[in-house]
């Protein structure tokens, strides 16, 4: 009896989570063509089509849905077997700005955990200032933050993040009244961005909710309490963008990784984590 290709099954699981061959190729440090080939060989061996791929979407077939849980168990068992005589467990303390942490976090963590069983991940979320202080004091091995200014230029730019104004699906901006804002507390660079943008256009505003982190602010916007400025990657599914003619356009910001991680294995794990955030 032939055994399943562990990496092909991993690729299948990532396709199920990310719904994008491009993103899966990034996480696995390979090409789209290689991912397609692995899946095709897996499907040939199983005798079932697992994934439907069109120019607009990627989704699992009924057979793919049935294979999902056994595939997770197979990968987990394979990783545990490899780790018996593998590398010593790796501890990674990583900080990620809470502006990028939204409802997609469980998927991101699953992408990481299904690839790595020999890593203990210590994840800290906070504002950029706090994360920089923790990194400089040696408490964090690497951080992923937004670059708001030119004060600090070290680090590697991972991608650019877009920002938008968001509200609930049935929310309407009140005419001739201050914009009701849901904000994070001071000091917060996104709070400053929101107020600076509105005041530059002489648009009145009022504070109706204050919460720490994109999750809290996004939830308040989704509940219809007011308008939130959020990173596109952290916006919850239940909100909509406000038409750009009603509120000022917002700048993009670089997402930067600053790292003191050493060792090939630890750096490979760190890369997979950052690519998972980039794919969110």
Protein backbone atom coordinates (compact mmCIF):
# COMPACT_ATOMS: atom_id res chain seq x y z
CA UNK A 1 0.00 0.00 0.00
CA UNK A 2 1.39 3.37 -0.99
CA UNK A 3 1.60 6.09 1.65
CA UNK A 4 0.35 9.63 1.22
CA UNK A 5 2.82 12.44 0.52
CA UNK A 6 2.89 14.48 3.76
CA UNK A 7 3.70 17.75 1.98
CA UNK A 8 0.89 17.17 -0.53
CA UNK A 9 -1.59 16.71 2.31
CA UNK A 10 -0.20 19.85 3.99
CA UNK A 11 -0.71 21.74 0.73
CA UNK A 12 -4.31 20.51 0.59
CA UNK A 13 -4.95 21.75 4.14
CA UNK A 14 -3.46 25.15 3.35
CA UNK A 15 -5.56 25.45 0.20
CA UNK A 16 -8.64 24.68 2.31
CA UNK A 17 -7.68 27.44 4.77
CA UNK A 18 -6.30 30.14 2.47
CA UNK A 19 -8.40 29.46 -0.66
CA UNK A 20 -5.56 30.70 -2.81
CA UNK A 21 -2.78 28.80 -4.58
CA UNK A 22 -0.67 31.98 -4.56
CA UNK A 23 -0.89 32.30 -0.78
CA UNK A 24 -0.20 28.62 -0.22
CA UNK A 25 2.89 28.83 -2.43
CA UNK A 26 4.13 31.75 -0.31
CA UNK A 27 3.61 29.93 2.98
CA UNK A 28 5.31 26.76 1.67
CA UNK A 29 8.13 28.70 -0.04
CA UNK A 30 7.46 27.17 -3.45
CA UNK A 31 5.56 27.94 -6.66
CA UNK A 32 1.91 27.73 -7.67
CA UNK A 33 2.85 25.10 -10.24
CA UNK A 34 4.44 22.92 -7.56
CA UNK A 35 1.34 23.22 -5.36
CA UNK A 36 -0.90 22.26 -8.28
CA UNK A 37 1.28 19.25 -9.08
CA UNK A 38 1.25 18.02 -5.47
CA UNK A 39 -2.53 18.28 -5.30
CA UNK A 40 -3.02 16.56 -8.64
CA UNK A 41 -0.84 13.63 -7.53
CA UNK A 42 -2.72 13.44 -4.23
CA UNK A 43 -6.07 13.40 -6.07
CA UNK A 44 -4.80 10.72 -8.46
CA UNK A 45 -3.72 8.54 -5.56
CA UNK A 46 -7.01 8.96 -3.68
CA UNK A 47 -9.10 8.64 -6.84
CA UNK A 48 -11.16 11.73 -6.00
CA UNK A 49 -11.16 15.38 -6.97
CA UNK A 50 -10.51 17.36 -3.80
CA UNK A 51 -10.38 20.97 -4.99
CA UNK A 52 -12.31 22.99 -7.55
CA UNK A 53 -10.28 25.86 -8.97
CA UNK A 54 -11.69 28.63 -11.17
CA UNK A 55 -10.23 32.04 -12.11
CA UNK A 56 -12.31 33.64 -9.35
CA UNK A 57 -12.32 31.15 -6.48
CA UNK A 58 -10.89 28.01 -4.95
CA UNK A 59 -13.11 25.68 -2.94
CA UNK A 60 -13.25 22.10 -1.72
CA UNK A 61 -15.36 19.48 -3.43
CA UNK A 62 -17.63 17.19 -1.40
CA UNK A 63 -14.78 14.65 -1.37
CA UNK A 64 -12.39 17.37 -0.20
CA UNK A 65 -14.70 18.23 2.68
CA UNK A 66 -14.81 14.55 3.72
CA UNK A 67 -11.01 14.32 3.53
CA UNK A 68 -10.39 17.48 5.62
CA UNK A 69 -10.41 16.04 9.16
CA UNK A 70 -8.54 12.81 8.27
CA UNK A 71 -5.95 14.99 6.50
CA UNK A 72 -5.43 17.09 9.64
CA UNK A 73 -4.98 13.96 11.74
CA UNK A 74 -2.55 12.50 9.19
CA UNK A 75 -0.37 15.62 9.12
CA UNK A 76 -0.38 15.94 12.91
CA UNK A 77 0.65 12.29 13.31
CA UNK A 78 3.37 12.64 10.69
CA UNK A 79 4.80 15.73 12.34
CA UNK A 80 4.83 14.06 15.75
CA UNK A 81 6.67 11.07 14.29
CA UNK A 82 9.27 13.29 12.64
CA UNK A 83 9.77 15.30 15.82
CA UNK A 84 10.74 12.23 17.89
CA UNK A 85 14.26 12.36 16.43
CA UNK A 86 14.06 15.86 15.09
CA UNK A 87 15.22 19.24 16.23
CA UNK A 88 14.99 20.49 19.76
CA UNK A 89 11.76 22.39 20.40
CA UNK A 90 12.03 25.99 19.25
CA UNK A 91 10.65 28.86 21.31
CA UNK A 92 9.66 31.94 19.37
CA UNK A 93 8.42 35.08 21.10
CA UNK A 94 6.81 37.25 18.46
CA UNK A 95 4.94 40.52 18.79
CA UNK A 96 2.34 41.65 16.26
CA UNK A 97 0.68 45.03 16.29
CA UNK A 98 -2.91 44.70 17.41
CA UNK A 99 -3.95 46.82 14.42
CA UNK A 100 -3.40 43.73 12.22
CA UNK A 101 -5.09 41.23 14.54
CA UNK A 102 -8.71 40.65 13.60
CA UNK A 103 -11.19 37.82 13.21
CA UNK A 104 -8.73 36.02 10.90
CA UNK A 105 -6.35 35.13 13.75
CA UNK A 106 -7.64 31.53 14.26
CA UNK A 107 -6.99 30.75 10.59
CA UNK A 108 -3.50 32.22 10.78
CA UNK A 109 -2.65 30.19 13.86
CA UNK A 110 -4.00 27.04 12.25
CA UNK A 111 -1.79 27.60 9.20
CA UNK A 112 1.21 27.82 11.52
CA UNK A 113 0.28 24.95 13.85
CA UNK A 114 -0.40 22.51 11.02
CA UNK A 115 3.08 23.14 9.66
CA UNK A 116 5.00 23.14 12.94
CA UNK A 117 4.68 20.92 16.02
CA UNK A 118 8.24 21.54 17.28
CA UNK A 119 7.68 25.23 17.93
CA UNK A 120 6.26 26.89 21.02
CA UNK A 121 4.89 30.21 19.84
CA UNK A 122 4.63 33.07 22.32
CA UNK A 123 2.44 35.69 20.66
CA UNK A 124 2.15 39.19 22.11
CA UNK A 125 -0.20 41.79 20.65
CA UNK A 126 0.13 45.46 21.53
CA UNK A 127 0.71 48.85 19.98
CA UNK A 128 3.83 49.60 17.95
CA UNK A 129 5.49 51.64 20.72
CA UNK A 130 5.06 48.87 23.28
CA UNK A 131 6.31 46.17 20.92
CA UNK A 132 9.41 48.17 20.02
CA UNK A 133 10.21 48.59 23.73
CA UNK A 134 9.74 44.86 24.38
CA UNK A 135 11.91 43.96 21.38
CA UNK A 136 14.67 46.39 22.37
CA UNK A 137 14.68 44.96 25.92
CA UNK A 138 15.11 41.42 24.55
CA UNK A 139 11.68 40.13 25.61
CA UNK A 140 10.60 39.48 22.01
CA UNK A 141 12.58 37.72 19.27
CA UNK A 142 10.78 39.48 16.42
CA UNK A 143 7.98 41.98 15.89
CA UNK A 144 5.63 42.85 13.06
CA UNK A 145 4.59 46.49 13.25
CA UNK A 146 3.33 49.39 11.18
CA UNK A 147 5.84 52.03 10.12
CA UNK A 148 4.20 55.34 10.93
CA UNK A 149 7.21 57.64 10.51
CA UNK A 150 10.93 57.79 9.72
CA UNK A 151 12.16 57.75 13.31
CA UNK A 152 13.12 54.09 13.05
CA UNK A 153 14.23 52.65 9.71
CA UNK A 154 15.50 49.19 10.68
CA UNK A 155 13.58 46.09 9.72
CA UNK A 156 12.31 44.46 6.55
CA UNK A 157 9.22 45.68 4.74
CA UNK A 158 6.84 42.74 4.31
CA UNK A 159 3.95 44.43 2.49
CA UNK A 160 1.82 47.57 2.43
CA UNK A 161 -1.41 47.69 4.41
CA UNK A 162 -4.50 49.57 3.23
CA UNK A 163 -6.79 51.41 5.65
CA UNK A 164 -10.45 52.29 5.26
CA UNK A 165 -13.43 53.68 7.14
CA UNK A 166 -15.86 50.93 8.17
CA UNK A 167 -19.38 50.75 9.57
CA UNK A 168 -22.16 48.18 9.95
CA UNK A 169 -24.13 47.13 6.89
CA UNK A 170 -27.22 49.14 7.91
CA UNK A 171 -25.39 52.18 9.34
CA UNK A 172 -25.86 55.62 7.77
CA UNK A 173 -23.78 58.68 8.48
CA UNK A 174 -26.00 61.25 10.18
CA UNK A 175 -26.43 64.32 7.93
CA UNK A 176 -25.08 67.63 9.22
CA UNK A 177 -23.82 66.01 12.42
CA UNK A 178 -20.35 65.07 13.72
CA UNK A 179 -19.08 61.68 12.55
CA UNK A 180 -19.55 59.18 15.40
CA UNK A 181 -16.18 57.47 15.81
CA UNK A 182 -15.19 54.22 17.49
CA UNK A 183 -11.54 54.64 18.42
CA UNK A 184 -8.64 53.17 20.31
CA UNK A 185 -7.37 55.09 23.37
CA UNK A 186 -4.43 57.50 23.29
CA UNK A 187 -1.64 57.15 22.43
CA UNK A 188 -2.58 55.33 19.24
CA UNK A 189 -1.22 56.03 15.76
CA UNK A 190 -4.44 54.94 14.01
CA UNK A 191 -6.49 57.16 16.30
CA UNK A 192 -4.18 60.03 15.36
CA UNK A 193 -4.52 59.13 11.66
CA UNK A 194 -8.33 59.20 11.89
CA UNK A 195 -8.51 62.54 13.68
CA UNK A 196 -5.82 64.12 11.50
CA UNK A 197 -7.62 63.05 8.31
CA UNK A 198 -11.00 64.37 9.45
CA UNK A 199 -9.64 67.65 10.79
CA UNK A 200 -7.67 68.28 7.58
CA UNK A 201 -11.01 68.27 5.74
CA UNK A 202 -12.78 70.30 8.47
CA UNK A 203 -15.08 67.35 9.21
CA UNK A 204 -16.53 67.39 12.72
CA UNK A 205 -16.40 64.21 14.80
CA UNK A 206 -17.36 62.87 18.19
CA UNK A 207 -16.10 59.90 20.18
CA UNK A 208 -18.79 57.27 20.87
CA UNK A 209 -16.72 54.19 21.80
CA UNK A 210 -13.15 53.48 22.94
CA UNK A 211 -11.61 50.00 22.84
CA UNK A 212 -8.12 48.53 22.64
CA UNK A 213 -7.23 46.57 19.51
CA UNK A 214 -8.75 46.14 16.08
CA UNK A 215 -10.98 43.33 17.35
CA UNK A 216 -12.76 45.56 19.87
CA UNK A 217 -13.04 48.52 17.49
CA UNK A 218 -14.19 46.30 14.63
CA UNK A 219 -16.84 44.70 16.84
CA UNK A 220 -18.17 48.14 17.82
CA UNK A 221 -18.39 49.16 14.15
CA UNK A 222 -20.11 45.86 13.29
CA UNK A 223 -22.61 46.48 16.11
CA UNK A 224 -23.58 49.80 14.51
CA UNK A 225 -22.18 52.00 17.27
CA UNK A 226 -20.17 54.19 14.91
CA UNK A 227 -17.46 54.46 12.26
CA UNK A 228 -14.04 52.82 12.64
CA UNK A 229 -10.73 53.30 10.88
CA UNK A 230 -9.31 49.80 10.41
CA UNK A 231 -6.60 48.00 8.51
CA UNK A 232 -8.22 46.18 5.61
CA UNK A 233 -6.80 42.85 6.78
CA UNK A 234 -8.32 43.25 10.26
CA UNK A 235 -11.83 44.37 9.27
CA UNK A 236 -14.52 41.87 10.38
CA UNK A 237 -16.78 40.23 7.83
CA UNK A 238 -19.87 42.06 9.08
CA UNK A 239 -18.79 45.59 8.16
CA UNK A 240 -18.73 47.57 4.93
CA UNK A 241 -16.46 50.27 3.61
CA UNK A 242 -17.85 53.79 3.61
CA UNK A 243 -17.90 55.44 0.21
CA UNK A 244 -14.67 57.34 -0.33
CA UNK A 245 -16.52 60.56 -1.26
CA UNK A 246 -18.05 60.81 2.22
CA UNK A 247 -14.86 60.62 4.29
CA UNK A 248 -11.21 61.41 3.49
CA UNK A 249 -8.98 58.91 1.72
CA UNK A 250 -6.43 57.26 3.98
CA UNK A 251 -2.73 56.54 3.38
CA UNK A 252 -1.17 53.10 3.14
CA UNK A 253 1.51 52.09 5.65
CA UNK A 254 4.42 49.67 5.45
CA UNK A 255 4.18 46.52 7.57
CA UNK A 256 7.69 45.87 8.87
CA UNK A 257 9.34 42.88 10.52
CA UNK A 258 12.22 43.56 12.91
CA UNK A 259 13.95 40.35 13.95
CA UNK A 260 16.81 39.05 16.06
CA UNK A 261 15.96 35.41 15.29
CA UNK A 262 18.95 33.20 14.51
CA UNK A 263 19.17 29.69 13.12
CA UNK A 264 17.78 28.28 9.88
CA UNK A 265 14.86 26.43 11.45
CA UNK A 266 13.69 29.32 13.61
CA UNK A 267 13.94 31.74 10.68
CA UNK A 268 11.98 29.35 8.43
CA UNK A 269 9.21 29.19 11.03
CA UNK A 270 9.22 32.98 11.40
CA UNK A 271 8.89 33.35 7.63
CA UNK A 272 5.88 31.05 7.56
CA UNK A 273 4.24 33.04 10.33
CA UNK A 274 4.78 36.39 8.61
CA UNK A 275 3.57 34.99 5.28
CA UNK A 276 0.42 33.76 7.01
CA UNK A 277 -0.26 37.31 8.21
CA UNK A 278 0.52 38.63 4.75
CA UNK A 279 -2.03 36.20 3.29
CA UNK A 280 -4.78 37.22 5.69
